[in-house]
């Protein structure tokens, strides 16, 4: 049985991220979130999230997601309202790449 998770207008099926019509928007590959063409959008490095150039764009501090300046931009609780079924760093990475 494949795990399917609804995210607002997105669905996660296995490692693929798809829109409502089924078009592939991206995928999760190890610690990376990639777009449909395979280009890296974000990388998870411990509690930090880095863009394709390696620049820190956000971090997870307990239940709080902070931008690169340390300002709170969301919480895991709020993100879980948009992204059902996942948790932790993967949830935040998908939210940063596709919903924020």
Protein backbone atom coordinates (compact mmCIF):
# COMPACT_ATOMS: atom_id res chain seq x y z
CA UNK A 1 0.00 0.00 0.00
CA UNK A 2 1.41 3.39 -1.00
CA UNK A 3 1.31 6.20 1.52
CA UNK A 4 -0.68 9.15 0.13
CA UNK A 5 -0.68 12.41 2.06
CA UNK A 6 -2.77 15.44 1.12
CA UNK A 7 -1.10 18.85 1.48
CA UNK A 8 -3.51 21.65 0.63
CA UNK A 9 -3.34 21.33 -3.14
CA UNK A 10 -0.49 18.82 -3.07
CA UNK A 11 -0.34 15.05 -2.67
CA UNK A 12 2.64 13.00 -1.56
CA UNK A 13 2.69 9.49 -2.97
CA UNK A 14 5.80 7.57 -1.98
CA UNK A 15 8.60 10.06 -2.64
CA UNK A 16 6.73 12.06 -5.29
CA UNK A 17 5.05 15.43 -4.68
CA UNK A 18 2.10 15.94 -7.05
CA UNK A 19 -0.62 18.54 -7.60
CA UNK A 20 -4.35 17.69 -7.54
CA UNK A 21 -4.33 16.75 -11.22
CA UNK A 22 -1.51 14.26 -10.64
CA UNK A 23 1.24 16.32 -12.29
CA UNK A 24 4.60 15.67 -10.61
CA UNK A 25 5.95 18.84 -9.00
CA UNK A 26 8.92 17.32 -7.24
CA UNK A 27 10.23 14.55 -5.04
CA UNK A 28 11.97 13.77 -1.78
CA UNK A 29 15.33 12.07 -2.32
CA UNK A 30 17.23 11.35 0.88
CA UNK A 31 17.87 14.71 2.53
CA UNK A 32 16.94 16.70 -0.60
CA UNK A 33 13.69 18.14 -1.95
CA UNK A 34 13.87 18.33 -5.75
CA UNK A 35 11.63 19.86 -8.42
CA UNK A 36 10.09 17.80 -11.24
CA UNK A 37 13.20 18.12 -13.39
CA UNK A 38 15.42 16.84 -10.57
CA UNK A 39 16.92 20.21 -9.62
CA UNK A 40 17.61 20.48 -5.88
CA UNK A 41 15.37 23.04 -4.16
CA UNK A 42 16.27 22.41 -0.52
CA UNK A 43 18.55 20.20 1.50
CA UNK A 44 18.03 19.14 5.10
CA UNK A 45 21.21 19.38 7.17
CA UNK A 46 20.44 18.47 10.78
CA UNK A 47 18.00 21.14 11.93
CA UNK A 48 18.97 23.53 9.10
CA UNK A 49 17.42 23.91 5.65
CA UNK A 50 19.69 25.06 2.85
CA UNK A 51 18.89 26.19 -0.70
CA UNK A 52 20.55 24.72 -3.79
CA UNK A 53 23.54 27.05 -3.30
CA UNK A 54 24.07 25.86 0.26
CA UNK A 55 22.79 29.04 1.91
CA UNK A 56 20.81 28.54 5.10
CA UNK A 57 17.19 29.60 4.53
CA UNK A 58 15.60 28.29 7.73
CA UNK A 59 16.11 26.14 10.80
CA UNK A 60 13.97 24.06 13.12
CA UNK A 61 14.37 24.97 16.78
CA UNK A 62 12.18 22.71 18.89
CA UNK A 63 8.68 23.31 17.52
CA UNK A 64 9.55 26.68 15.91
CA UNK A 65 10.70 27.25 12.32
CA UNK A 66 13.02 30.24 12.06
CA UNK A 67 14.29 32.07 8.97
CA UNK A 68 17.99 32.61 8.34
CA UNK A 69 17.91 35.72 10.57
CA UNK A 70 16.46 33.78 13.49
CA UNK A 71 12.95 35.22 13.23
CA UNK A 72 10.06 32.85 13.85
CA UNK A 73 8.18 32.13 10.59
CA UNK A 74 6.00 29.21 11.66
CA UNK A 75 5.55 26.32 14.07
CA UNK A 76 5.31 22.59 13.46
CA UNK A 77 1.74 22.73 14.78
CA UNK A 78 0.76 25.31 12.13
CA UNK A 79 2.56 23.47 9.33
CA UNK A 80 0.87 20.18 10.28
CA UNK A 81 -2.46 21.90 9.54
CA UNK A 82 -1.28 22.25 5.92
CA UNK A 83 0.77 19.06 5.64
CA UNK A 84 -0.99 15.99 6.97
CA UNK A 85 0.80 12.81 8.02
CA UNK A 86 4.46 13.79 8.09
CA UNK A 87 6.57 15.17 10.88
CA UNK A 88 9.80 16.90 11.68
CA UNK A 89 12.35 18.14 9.20
CA UNK A 90 10.82 16.54 6.08
CA UNK A 91 7.50 18.26 6.79
CA UNK A 92 9.23 21.64 7.15
CA UNK A 93 11.32 21.14 4.00
CA UNK A 94 8.24 20.39 1.87
CA UNK A 95 6.42 23.36 3.36
CA UNK A 96 9.37 25.67 2.63
CA UNK A 97 9.81 24.39 -0.93
CA UNK A 98 6.22 24.23 -2.10
CA UNK A 99 3.86 26.11 0.22
CA UNK A 100 5.68 29.09 1.69
